[in-house]
Amino acid sequence: MTLQERFAALNVTTSANAEEWARQNKQAKSWHFIFPPLGTFFSSYLGRRKWRHGMTGFTTALFDSYAVFVTYAKLWEMQNGLTAEPPELQGSAPHPSGRSHSDAA
């Protein structure tokens, strides 16, 4: 799977997870941006033994933790009224530079 495909899947998954958490009245607190992503990284990298796969395992563990961070960030946006349109439509508008955010990665 390419990085572009991974980021596209991440956007869909994190939006769905954040919406589910919002329906469950889960709150995004400041500490959620640090400890759950760190816990996910160590759980993935050490607990699931992804360290055995070298840089691929390290990158996968980082990506897993980033997904948790992004989910909390999207939940925080929803709680603070910063999400003006449904998440599935946000990525469809062209970026001012002509490139999408995923092209920059």
PDB file of N, CA and C in Angstrom:
ATOM      1  N   MET A   1       0.860  -1.183   0.000  1.00  0.00           N
ATOM      2  CA  MET A   1       0.000   0.000   0.000  1.00  0.00           C
ATOM      3  C   MET A   1       0.898   1.235   0.000  1.00  0.00           C
ATOM      4  N   THR A   2       0.626   2.177  -0.884  1.00  0.00           N
ATOM      5  CA  THR A   2       1.416   3.401  -0.957  1.00  0.00           C
ATOM      6  C   THR A   2       1.025   4.341   0.179  1.00  0.00           C
ATOM      7  N   LEU A   3       1.877   5.328   0.430  1.00  0.00           N
ATOM      8  CA  LEU A   3       1.558   6.320   1.453  1.00  0.00           C
ATOM      9  C   LEU A   3       0.293   7.092   1.091  1.00  0.00           C
ATOM     10  N   GLN A   4       0.129   7.408  -0.183  1.00  0.00           N
ATOM     11  CA  GLN A   4      -1.068   8.132  -0.605  1.00  0.00           C
ATOM     12  C   GLN A   4      -2.325   7.320  -0.285  1.00  0.00           C
ATOM     13  N   GLU A   5      -2.286   6.025  -0.541  1.00  0.00           N
ATOM     14  CA  GLU A   5      -3.421   5.154  -0.226  1.00  0.00           C
ATOM     15  C   GLU A   5      -3.631   5.056   1.281  1.00  0.00           C
ATOM     16  N   ARG A   6      -2.534   4.988   2.031  1.00  0.00           N
ATOM     17  CA  ARG A   6      -2.650   4.904   3.489  1.00  0.00           C
ATOM     18  C   ARG A   6      -3.270   6.172   4.070  1.00  0.00           C
ATOM     19  N   PHE A   7      -2.858   7.339   3.557  1.00  0.00           N
ATOM     20  CA  PHE A   7      -3.419   8.591   4.058  1.00  0.00           C
ATOM     21  C   PHE A   7      -4.890   8.732   3.678  1.00  0.00           C
ATOM     22  N   ALA A   8      -5.266   8.272   2.503  1.00  0.00           N
ATOM     23  CA  ALA A   8      -6.683   8.316   2.105  1.00  0.00           C
ATOM     24  C   ALA A   8      -7.508   7.422   3.024  1.00  0.00           C
ATOM     25  N   ALA A   9      -7.013   6.221   3.306  1.00  0.00           N
ATOM     26  CA  ALA A   9      -7.716   5.315   4.216  1.00  0.00           C
ATOM     27  C   ALA A   9      -7.749   5.886   5.628  1.00  0.00           C
ATOM     28  N   LEU A  10      -6.648   6.511   6.048  1.00  0.00           N
ATOM     29  CA  LEU A  10      -6.583   7.130   7.377  1.00  0.00           C
ATOM     30  C   LEU A  10      -7.650   8.211   7.514  1.00  0.00           C
ATOM     31  N   ASN A  11      -7.826   9.019   6.496  1.00  0.00           N
ATOM     32  CA  ASN A  11      -8.813  10.095   6.555  1.00  0.00           C
ATOM     33  C   ASN A  11     -10.216   9.539   6.751  1.00  0.00           C
ATOM     34  N   VAL A  12     -10.559   8.509   6.020  1.00  0.00           N
ATOM     35  CA  VAL A  12     -11.891   7.910   6.123  1.00  0.00           C
ATOM     36  C   VAL A  12     -12.084   7.265   7.499  1.00  0.00           C
ATOM     37  N   THR A  13     -11.098   6.477   7.908  1.00  0.00           N
ATOM     38  CA  THR A  13     -11.202   5.748   9.180  1.00  0.00           C
ATOM     39  C   THR A  13     -11.247   6.686  10.372  1.00  0.00           C
ATOM     40  N   THR A  14     -10.369   7.683  10.398  1.00  0.00           N
ATOM     41  CA  THR A  14     -10.340   8.594  11.548  1.00  0.00           C
ATOM     42  C   THR A  14     -11.606   9.444  11.619  1.00  0.00           C
ATOM     43  N   SER A  15     -12.156   9.821  10.483  1.00  0.00           N
ATOM     44  CA  SER A  15     -13.414  10.573  10.491  1.00  0.00           C
ATOM     45  C   SER A  15     -14.547   9.727  11.064  1.00  0.00           C
ATOM     46  N   ALA A  16     -14.619   8.473  10.619  1.00  0.00           N
ATOM     47  CA  ALA A  16     -15.670   7.581  11.125  1.00  0.00           C
ATOM     48  C   ALA A  16     -15.500   7.337  12.624  1.00  0.00           C
ATOM     49  N   ASN A  17     -14.259   7.128  13.071  1.00  0.00           N
ATOM     50  CA  ASN A  17     -14.016   6.900  14.498  1.00  0.00           C
ATOM     51  C   ASN A  17     -14.357   8.136  15.325  1.00  0.00           C
ATOM     52  N   ALA A  18     -13.974   9.310  14.838  1.00  0.00           N
ATOM     53  CA  ALA A  18     -14.273  10.546  15.567  1.00  0.00           C
ATOM     54  C   ALA A  18     -15.782  10.780  15.652  1.00  0.00           C
ATOM     55  N   GLU A  19     -16.494  10.500  14.573  1.00  0.00           N
ATOM     56  CA  GLU A  19     -17.954  10.653  14.595  1.00  0.00           C
ATOM     57  C   GLU A  19     -18.586   9.686  15.594  1.00  0.00           C
ATOM     58  N   GLU A  20     -18.075   8.472  15.641  1.00  0.00           N
ATOM     59  CA  GLU A  20     -18.586   7.486  16.598  1.00  0.00           C
ATOM     60  C   GLU A  20     -18.311   7.934  18.026  1.00  0.00           C
ATOM     61  N   TRP A  21     -17.111   8.422  18.287  1.00  0.00           N
ATOM     62  CA  TRP A  21     -16.780   8.908  19.628  1.00  0.00           C
ATOM     63  C   TRP A  21     -17.659  10.102  20.005  1.00  0.00           C
ATOM     64  N   ALA A  22     -17.943  10.972  19.043  1.00  0.00           N
ATOM     65  CA  ALA A  22     -18.810  12.127  19.310  1.00  0.00           C
ATOM     66  C   ALA A  22     -20.222  11.657  19.670  1.00  0.00           C
ATOM     67  N   ARG A  23     -20.722  10.628  18.962  1.00  0.00           N
ATOM     68  CA  ARG A  23     -22.047  10.079  19.289  1.00  0.00           C
ATOM     69  C   ARG A  23     -22.064   9.470  20.694  1.00  0.00           C
ATOM     70  N   GLN A  24     -20.912   8.962  21.125  1.00  0.00           N
ATOM     71  CA  GLN A  24     -20.800   8.366  22.463  1.00  0.00           C
ATOM     72  C   GLN A  24     -20.474   9.409  23.530  1.00  0.00           C
ATOM     73  N   ASN A  25     -20.450  10.689  23.129  1.00  0.00           N
ATOM     74  CA  ASN A  25     -20.136  11.807  24.024  1.00  0.00           C
ATOM     75  C   ASN A  25     -18.740  11.732  24.629  1.00  0.00           C
ATOM     76  N   LYS A  26     -17.820  11.106  23.922  1.00  0.00           N
ATOM     77  CA  LYS A  26     -16.431  11.069  24.356  1.00  0.00           C
ATOM     78  C   LYS A  26     -15.839  12.452  24.148  1.00  0.00           C
ATOM     79  N   GLN A  27     -15.015  12.902  25.078  1.00  0.00           N
ATOM     80  CA  GLN A  27     -14.422  14.226  25.012  1.00  0.00           C
ATOM     81  C   GLN A  27     -12.934  14.133  24.695  1.00  0.00           C
ATOM     82  N   ALA A  28     -12.443  15.033  23.862  1.00  0.00           N
ATOM     83  CA  ALA A  28     -11.016  15.112  23.558  1.00  0.00           C
ATOM     84  C   ALA A  28     -10.377  16.092  24.536  1.00  0.00           C
ATOM     85  N   LYS A  29      -9.569  15.570  25.409  1.00  0.00           N
ATOM     86  CA  LYS A  29      -8.833  16.390  26.381  1.00  0.00           C
ATOM     87  C   LYS A  29      -7.406  16.568  25.885  1.00  0.00           C
ATOM     88  N   SER A  30      -6.701  17.532  26.428  1.00  0.00           N
ATOM     89  CA  SER A  30      -5.337  17.810  25.957  1.00  0.00           C
ATOM     90  C   SER A  30      -4.412  16.604  26.111  1.00  0.00           C
ATOM     91  N   TRP A  31      -4.561  15.847  27.159  1.00  0.00           N
ATOM     92  CA  TRP A  31      -3.687  14.694  27.361  1.00  0.00           C
ATOM     93  C   TRP A  31      -3.940  13.577  26.348  1.00  0.00           C
ATOM     94  N   HIS A  32      -5.132  13.589  25.699  1.00  0.00           N
ATOM     95  CA  HIS A  32      -5.437  12.586  24.681  1.00  0.00           C
ATOM     96  C   HIS A  32      -4.539  12.724  23.442  1.00  0.00           C
ATOM     97  N   PHE A  33      -3.950  13.897  23.270  1.00  0.00           N
ATOM     98  CA  PHE A  33      -3.086  14.121  22.118  1.00  0.00           C
ATOM     99  C   PHE A  33      -1.668  13.580  22.342  1.00  0.00           C
ATOM    100  N   ILE A  34      -1.380  13.155  23.579  1.00  0.00           N
ATOM    101  CA  ILE A  34      -0.043  12.658  23.901  1.00  0.00           C
ATOM    102  C   ILE A  34      -0.062  11.174  24.277  1.00  0.00           C
ATOM    103  N   PHE A  35      -0.809  10.849  25.319  1.00  0.00           N
ATOM    104  CA  PHE A  35      -0.699   9.506  25.891  1.00  0.00           C
ATOM    105  C   PHE A  35      -1.325   8.378  25.058  1.00  0.00           C
ATOM    106  N   PRO A  36      -2.530   8.492  24.539  1.00  0.00           N
ATOM    107  CA  PRO A  36      -3.038   7.401  23.695  1.00  0.00           C
ATOM    108  C   PRO A  36      -2.186   7.147  22.446  1.00  0.00           C
ATOM    109  N   PRO A  37      -1.717   8.202  21.727  1.00  0.00           N
ATOM    110  CA  PRO A  37      -0.841   7.907  20.592  1.00  0.00           C
ATOM    111  C   PRO A  37       0.462   7.216  21.010  1.00  0.00           C
ATOM    112  N   LEU A  38       1.062   7.677  22.126  1.00  0.00           N
ATOM    113  CA  LEU A  38       2.280   7.022  22.616  1.00  0.00           C
ATOM    114  C   LEU A  38       2.011   5.569  22.996  1.00  0.00           C
ATOM    115  N   GLY A  39       0.908   5.348  23.695  1.00  0.00           N
ATOM    116  CA  GLY A  39       0.541   3.987  24.077  1.00  0.00           C
ATOM    117  C   GLY A  39       0.325   3.103  22.866  1.00  0.00           C
ATOM    118  N   THR A  40      -0.308   3.657  21.846  1.00  0.00           N
ATOM    119  CA  THR A  40      -0.534   2.899  20.615  1.00  0.00           C
ATOM    120  C   THR A  40       0.780   2.567  19.931  1.00  0.00           C
ATOM    121  N   PHE A  41       1.707   3.528  19.907  1.00  0.00           N
ATOM    122  CA  PHE A  41       3.004   3.266  19.289  1.00  0.00           C
ATOM    123  C   PHE A  41       3.714   2.109  19.992  1.00  0.00           C
ATOM    124  N   PHE A  42       3.826   2.185  21.322  1.00  0.00           N
ATOM    125  CA  PHE A  42       4.548   1.141  22.055  1.00  0.00           C
ATOM    126  C   PHE A  42       3.823  -0.198  21.991  1.00  0.00           C
ATOM    127  N   SER A  43       2.508  -0.158  22.030  1.00  0.00           N
ATOM    128  CA  SER A  43       1.744  -1.396  21.909  1.00  0.00           C
ATOM    129  C   SER A  43       1.977  -2.047  20.552  1.00  0.00           C
ATOM    130  N   SER A  44       1.988  -1.225  19.526  1.00  0.00           N
ATOM    131  CA  SER A  44       2.186  -1.731  18.172  1.00  0.00           C
ATOM    132  C   SER A  44       3.632  -2.168  17.947  1.00  0.00           C
ATOM    133  N   TYR A  45       4.572  -1.279  18.279  1.00  0.00           N
ATOM    134  CA  TYR A  45       5.977  -1.543  17.979  1.00  0.00           C
ATOM    135  C   TYR A  45       6.563  -2.651  18.848  1.00  0.00           C
ATOM    136  N   LEU A  46       6.275  -2.600  20.144  1.00  0.00           N
ATOM    137  CA  LEU A  46       6.821  -3.608  21.050  1.00  0.00           C
ATOM    138  C   LEU A  46       5.853  -4.768  21.269  1.00  0.00           C
ATOM    139  N   GLY A  47       4.603  -4.448  21.593  1.00  0.00           N
ATOM    140  CA  GLY A  47       3.618  -5.481  21.909  1.00  0.00           C
ATOM    141  C   GLY A  47       3.292  -6.388  20.746  1.00  0.00           C
ATOM    142  N   ARG A  48       3.163  -5.811  19.579  1.00  0.00           N
ATOM    143  CA  ARG A  48       2.870  -6.618  18.384  1.00  0.00           C
ATOM    144  C   ARG A  48       4.140  -7.007  17.640  1.00  0.00           C
ATOM    145  N   ARG A  49       5.275  -6.669  18.239  1.00  0.00           N
ATOM    146  CA  ARG A  49       6.599  -7.063  17.756  1.00  0.00           C
ATOM    147  C   ARG A  49       6.902  -6.583  16.340  1.00  0.00           C
ATOM    148  N   LYS A  50       6.429  -5.386  16.034  1.00  0.00           N
ATOM    149  CA  LYS A  50       6.708  -4.835  14.701  1.00  0.00           C
ATOM    150  C   LYS A  50       8.167  -4.413  14.569  1.00  0.00           C
ATOM    151  N   TRP A  51       8.883  -4.320  15.679  1.00  0.00           N
ATOM    152  CA  TRP A  51      10.304  -3.988  15.646  1.00  0.00           C
ATOM    153  C   TRP A  51      11.088  -5.009  14.831  1.00  0.00           C
ATOM    154  N   ARG A  52      10.560  -6.212  14.725  1.00  0.00           N
ATOM    155  CA  ARG A  52      11.240  -7.273  13.967  1.00  0.00           C
ATOM    156  C   ARG A  52      11.269  -6.984  12.470  1.00  0.00           C
ATOM    157  N   HIS A  53      10.449  -6.058  12.017  1.00  0.00           N
ATOM    158  CA  HIS A  53      10.353  -5.754  10.582  1.00  0.00           C
ATOM    159  C   HIS A  53      11.154  -4.522  10.191  1.00  0.00           C
ATOM    160  N   GLY A  54      12.037  -4.087  11.068  1.00  0.00           N
ATOM    161  CA  GLY A  54      12.916  -2.959  10.766  1.00  0.00           C
ATOM    162  C   GLY A  54      12.162  -1.657  10.563  1.00  0.00           C
ATOM    163  N   MET A  55      12.586  -0.925   9.535  1.00  0.00           N
ATOM    164  CA  MET A  55      11.999   0.392   9.262  1.00  0.00           C
ATOM    165  C   MET A  55      10.526   0.284   8.882  1.00  0.00           C
ATOM    166  N   THR A  56      10.135  -0.787   8.223  1.00  0.00           N
ATOM    167  CA  THR A  56       8.729  -0.978   7.864  1.00  0.00           C
ATOM    168  C   THR A  56       7.872  -1.090   9.119  1.00  0.00           C
ATOM    169  N   GLY A  57       8.329  -1.860  10.098  1.00  0.00           N
ATOM    170  CA  GLY A  57       7.598  -2.003  11.354  1.00  0.00           C
ATOM    171  C   GLY A  57       7.540  -0.703  12.138  1.00  0.00           C
ATOM    172  N   PHE A  58       8.666   0.028  12.136  1.00  0.00           N
ATOM    173  CA  PHE A  58       8.713   1.320  12.825  1.00  0.00           C
ATOM    174  C   PHE A  58       7.734   2.299  12.191  1.00  0.00           C
ATOM    175  N   THR A  59       7.739   2.358  10.866  1.00  0.00           N
ATOM    176  CA  THR A  59       6.838   3.260  10.141  1.00  0.00           C
ATOM    177  C   THR A  59       5.380   2.881  10.378  1.00  0.00           C
ATOM    178  N   THR A  60       5.089   1.595  10.383  1.00  0.00           N
ATOM    179  CA  THR A  60       3.720   1.138  10.622  1.00  0.00           C
ATOM    180  C   THR A  60       3.263   1.516  12.028  1.00  0.00           C
ATOM    181  N   ALA A  61       4.131   1.346  13.014  1.00  0.00           N
ATOM    182  CA  ALA A  61       3.788   1.709  14.391  1.00  0.00           C
ATOM    183  C   ALA A  61       3.558   3.216  14.514  1.00  0.00           C
ATOM    184  N   LEU A  62       4.401   4.007  13.842  1.00  0.00           N
ATOM    185  CA  LEU A  62       4.201   5.464  13.839  1.00  0.00           C
ATOM    186  C   LEU A  62       2.867   5.831  13.203  1.00  0.00           C
ATOM    187  N   PHE A  63       2.554   5.184  12.110  1.00  0.00           N
ATOM    188  CA  PHE A  63       1.304   5.464  11.416  1.00  0.00           C
ATOM    189  C   PHE A  63       0.111   5.094  12.288  1.00  0.00           C
ATOM    190  N   ASP A  64       0.193   3.970  13.007  1.00  0.00           N
ATOM    191  CA  ASP A  64      -0.878   3.570  13.924  1.00  0.00           C
ATOM    192  C   ASP A  64      -1.098   4.634  14.993  1.00  0.00           C
ATOM    193  N   SER A  65       0.004   5.153  15.547  1.00  0.00           N
ATOM    194  CA  SER A  65      -0.125   6.168  16.593  1.00  0.00           C
ATOM    195  C   SER A  65      -0.633   7.487  16.014  1.00  0.00           C
ATOM    196  N   TYR A  66      -0.221   7.811  14.795  1.00  0.00           N
ATOM    197  CA  TYR A  66      -0.695   9.029  14.140  1.00  0.00           C
ATOM    198  C   TYR A  66      -2.206   8.963  13.911  1.00  0.00           C
ATOM    199  N   ALA A  67      -2.714   7.786  13.583  1.00  0.00           N
ATOM    200  CA  ALA A  67      -4.154   7.621  13.367  1.00  0.00           C
ATOM    201  C   ALA A  67      -4.928   7.939  14.646  1.00  0.00           C
ATOM    202  N   VAL A  68      -4.400   7.530  15.787  1.00  0.00           N
ATOM    203  CA  VAL A  68      -5.052   7.839  17.067  1.00  0.00           C
ATOM    204  C   VAL A  68      -5.028   9.347  17.299  1.00  0.00           C
ATOM    205  N   PHE A  69      -3.878   9.981  17.045  1.00  0.00           N
ATOM    206  CA  PHE A  69      -3.762  11.428  17.210  1.00  0.00           C
ATOM    207  C   PHE A  69      -4.766  12.167  16.325  1.00  0.00           C
ATOM    208  N   VAL A  70      -4.845  11.776  15.056  1.00  0.00           N
ATOM    209  CA  VAL A  70      -5.747  12.443  14.107  1.00  0.00           C
ATOM    210  C   VAL A  70      -7.208  12.244  14.514  1.00  0.00           C
ATOM    211  N   THR A  71      -7.548  11.068  15.024  1.00  0.00           N
ATOM    212  CA  THR A  71      -8.924  10.827  15.465  1.00  0.00           C
ATOM    213  C   THR A  71      -9.291  11.780  16.591  1.00  0.00           C
ATOM    214  N   TYR A  72      -8.405  11.938  17.571  1.00  0.00           N
ATOM    215  CA  TYR A  72      -8.676  12.887  18.655  1.00  0.00           C
ATOM    216  C   TYR A  72      -8.728  14.325  18.140  1.00  0.00           C
ATOM    217  N   ALA A  73      -7.873  14.668  17.177  1.00  0.00           N
ATOM    218  CA  ALA A  73      -7.900  16.018  16.613  1.00  0.00           C
ATOM    219  C   ALA A  73      -9.223  16.296  15.906  1.00  0.00           C
ATOM    220  N   LYS A  74      -9.736  15.315  15.174  1.00  0.00           N
ATOM    221  CA  LYS A  74     -11.021  15.488  14.501  1.00  0.00           C
ATOM    222  C   LYS A  74     -12.159  15.580  15.510  1.00  0.00           C
ATOM    223  N   LEU A  75     -12.084  14.788  16.572  1.00  0.00           N
ATOM    224  CA  LEU A  75     -13.096  14.871  17.624  1.00  0.00           C
ATOM    225  C   LEU A  75     -13.067  16.255  18.263  1.00  0.00           C
ATOM    226  N   TRP A  76     -11.863  16.769  18.530  1.00  0.00           N
ATOM    227  CA  TRP A  76     -11.718  18.105  19.112  1.00  0.00           C
ATOM    228  C   TRP A  76     -12.317  19.158  18.186  1.00  0.00           C
ATOM    229  N   GLU A  77     -12.061  19.037  16.874  1.00  0.00           N
ATOM    230  CA  GLU A  77     -12.650  19.972  15.909  1.00  0.00           C
ATOM    231  C   GLU A  77     -14.174  19.953  15.979  1.00  0.00           C
ATOM    232  N   MET A  78     -14.745  18.746  16.048  1.00  0.00           N
ATOM    233  CA  MET A  78     -16.208  18.624  16.133  1.00  0.00           C
ATOM    234  C   MET A  78     -16.736  19.289  17.398  1.00  0.00           C
ATOM    235  N   GLN A  79     -16.060  19.069  18.510  1.00  0.00           N
ATOM    236  CA  GLN A  79     -16.498  19.620  19.793  1.00  0.00           C
ATOM    237  C   GLN A  79     -16.400  21.133  19.830  1.00  0.00           C
ATOM    238  N   ASN A  80     -15.510  21.696  19.043  1.00  0.00           N
ATOM    239  CA  ASN A  80     -15.300  23.139  19.043  1.00  0.00           C
ATOM    240  C   ASN A  80     -15.917  23.835  17.841  1.00  0.00           C
ATOM    241  N   GLY A  81     -16.774  23.122  17.116  1.00  0.00           N
ATOM    242  CA  GLY A  81     -17.498  23.715  15.999  1.00  0.00           C
ATOM    243  C   GLY A  81     -16.621  24.122  14.835  1.00  0.00           C
ATOM    244  N   LEU A  82     -15.479  23.485  14.667  1.00  0.00           N
ATOM    245  CA  LEU A  82     -14.573  23.851  13.587  1.00  0.00           C
ATOM    246  C   LEU A  82     -14.768  23.015  12.337  1.00  0.00           C
ATOM    247  N   THR A  83     -15.632  22.023  12.404  1.00  0.00           N
ATOM    248  CA  THR A  83     -15.929  21.190  11.248  1.00  0.00           C
ATOM    249  C   THR A  83     -17.216  21.709  10.633  1.00  0.00           C
ATOM    250  N   ALA A  84     -17.074  22.466   9.538  1.00  0.00           N
ATOM    251  CA  ALA A  84     -18.224  23.112   8.919  1.00  0.00           C
ATOM    252  C   ALA A  84     -18.972  22.199   7.963  1.00  0.00           C
ATOM    253  N   GLU A  85     -18.296  21.230   7.406  1.00  0.00           N
ATOM    254  CA  GLU A  85     -18.932  20.330   6.451  1.00  0.00           C
ATOM    255  C   GLU A  85     -18.602  18.895   6.827  1.00  0.00           C
ATOM    256  N   PRO A  86     -19.380  17.955   6.341  1.00  0.00           N
ATOM    257  CA  PRO A  86     -19.112  16.554   6.682  1.00  0.00           C
ATOM    258  C   PRO A  86     -17.683  16.162   6.300  1.00  0.00           C
ATOM    259  N   PRO A  87     -17.023  15.333   7.127  1.00  0.00           N
ATOM    260  CA  PRO A  87     -15.619  14.975   6.874  1.00  0.00           C
ATOM    261  C   PRO A  87     -15.369  14.385   5.498  1.00  0.00           C
ATOM    262  N   GLU A  88     -16.312  13.646   4.928  1.00  0.00           N
ATOM    263  CA  GLU A  88     -16.068  13.031   3.628  1.00  0.00           C
ATOM    264  C   GLU A  88     -16.003  14.067   2.515  1.00  0.00           C
ATOM    265  N   LEU A  89     -16.489  15.288   2.757  1.00  0.00           N
ATOM    266  CA  LEU A  89     -16.457  16.333   1.740  1.00  0.00           C
ATOM    267  C   LEU A  89     -15.271  17.271   1.908  1.00  0.00           C
ATOM    268  N   GLN A  90     -14.645  17.274   3.072  1.00  0.00           N
ATOM    269  CA  GLN A  90     -13.579  18.229   3.346  1.00  0.00           C
ATOM    270  C   GLN A  90     -12.393  18.071   2.414  1.00  0.00           C
ATOM    271  N   GLY A  91     -12.023  16.863   2.087  1.00  0.00           N
ATOM    272  CA  GLY A  91     -10.873  16.639   1.238  1.00  0.00           C
ATOM    273  C   GLY A  91     -11.154  16.821  -0.239  1.00  0.00           C
ATOM    274  N   SER A  92     -12.408  17.067  -0.630  1.00  0.00           N
ATOM    275  CA  SER A  92     -12.748  17.139  -2.043  1.00  0.00           C
ATOM    276  C   SER A  92     -12.467  18.497  -2.662  1.00  0.00           C
ATOM    277  N   ALA A  93     -12.386  19.545  -1.855  1.00  0.00           N
ATOM    278  CA  ALA A  93     -12.104  20.867  -2.399  1.00  0.00           C
ATOM    279  C   ALA A  93     -10.630  20.957  -2.761  1.00  0.00           C
ATOM    280  N   PRO A  94     -10.311  21.586  -3.893  1.00  0.00           N
ATOM    281  CA  PRO A  94      -8.908  21.686  -4.282  1.00  0.00           C
ATOM    282  C   PRO A  94      -8.125  22.546  -3.300  1.00  0.00           C
ATOM    283  N   HIS A  95      -6.908  22.152  -3.046  1.00  0.00           N
ATOM    284  CA  HIS A  95      -6.020  22.899  -2.174  1.00  0.00           C
ATOM    285  C   HIS A  95      -5.586  24.148  -2.925  1.00  0.00           C
ATOM    286  N   PRO A  96      -5.414  25.303  -2.245  1.00  0.00           N
ATOM    287  CA  PRO A  96      -5.067  26.539  -2.937  1.00  0.00           C
ATOM    288  C   PRO A  96      -3.819  26.431  -3.816  1.00  0.00           C
ATOM    289  N   SER A  97      -2.876  25.579  -3.456  1.00  0.00           N
ATOM    290  CA  SER A  97      -1.657  25.448  -4.256  1.00  0.00           C
ATOM    291  C   SER A  97      -1.863  24.533  -5.461  1.00  0.00           C
ATOM    292  N   GLY A  98      -3.059  23.924  -5.560  1.00  0.00           N
ATOM    293  CA  GLY A  98      -3.304  23.002  -6.645  1.00  0.00           C
ATOM    294  C   GLY A  98      -2.947  21.575  -6.277  1.00  0.00           C
ATOM    295  N   ARG A  99      -2.332  21.405  -5.112  1.00  0.00           N
ATOM    296  CA  ARG A  99      -1.961  20.078  -4.638  1.00  0.00           C
ATOM    297  C   ARG A  99      -2.805  19.746  -3.426  1.00  0.00           C
ATOM    298  N   SER A 100      -3.111  18.484  -3.259  1.00  0.00           N
ATOM    299  CA  SER A 100      -3.834  18.065  -2.067  1.00  0.00           C
ATOM    300  C   SER A 100      -2.838  17.891  -0.943  1.00  0.00           C
ATOM    301  N   HIS A 101      -3.348  17.799   0.294  1.00  0.00           N
ATOM    302  CA  HIS A 101      -2.478  17.595   1.450  1.00  0.00           C
ATOM    303  C   HIS A 101      -1.742  16.270   1.322  1.00  0.00           C
ATOM    304  N   SER A 102      -2.367  15.256   0.760  1.00  0.00           N
ATOM    305  CA  SER A 102      -1.720  13.955   0.640  1.00  0.00           C
ATOM    306  C   SER A 102      -0.582  13.987  -0.377  1.00  0.00           C
ATOM    307  N   ASP A 103      -0.622  14.928  -1.331  1.00  0.00           N
ATOM    308  CA  ASP A 103       0.475  15.044  -2.295  1.00  0.00           C
ATOM    309  C   ASP A 103       1.740  15.581  -1.632  1.00  0.00           C
ATOM    310  N   ALA A 104       1.554  16.336  -0.549  1.00  0.00           N
ATOM    311  CA  ALA A 104       2.682  16.927   0.142  1.00  0.00           C
ATOM    312  C   ALA A 104       3.428  15.906   0.964  1.00  0.00           C
ATOM    313  N   ALA A 105       2.790  14.792   1.304  1.00  0.00           N
ATOM    314  CA  ALA A 105       3.424  13.801   2.182  1.00  0.00           C
ATOM    315  C   ALA A 105       4.367  12.903   1.443  1.00  0.00           C
TER     316      ALA A 105
END
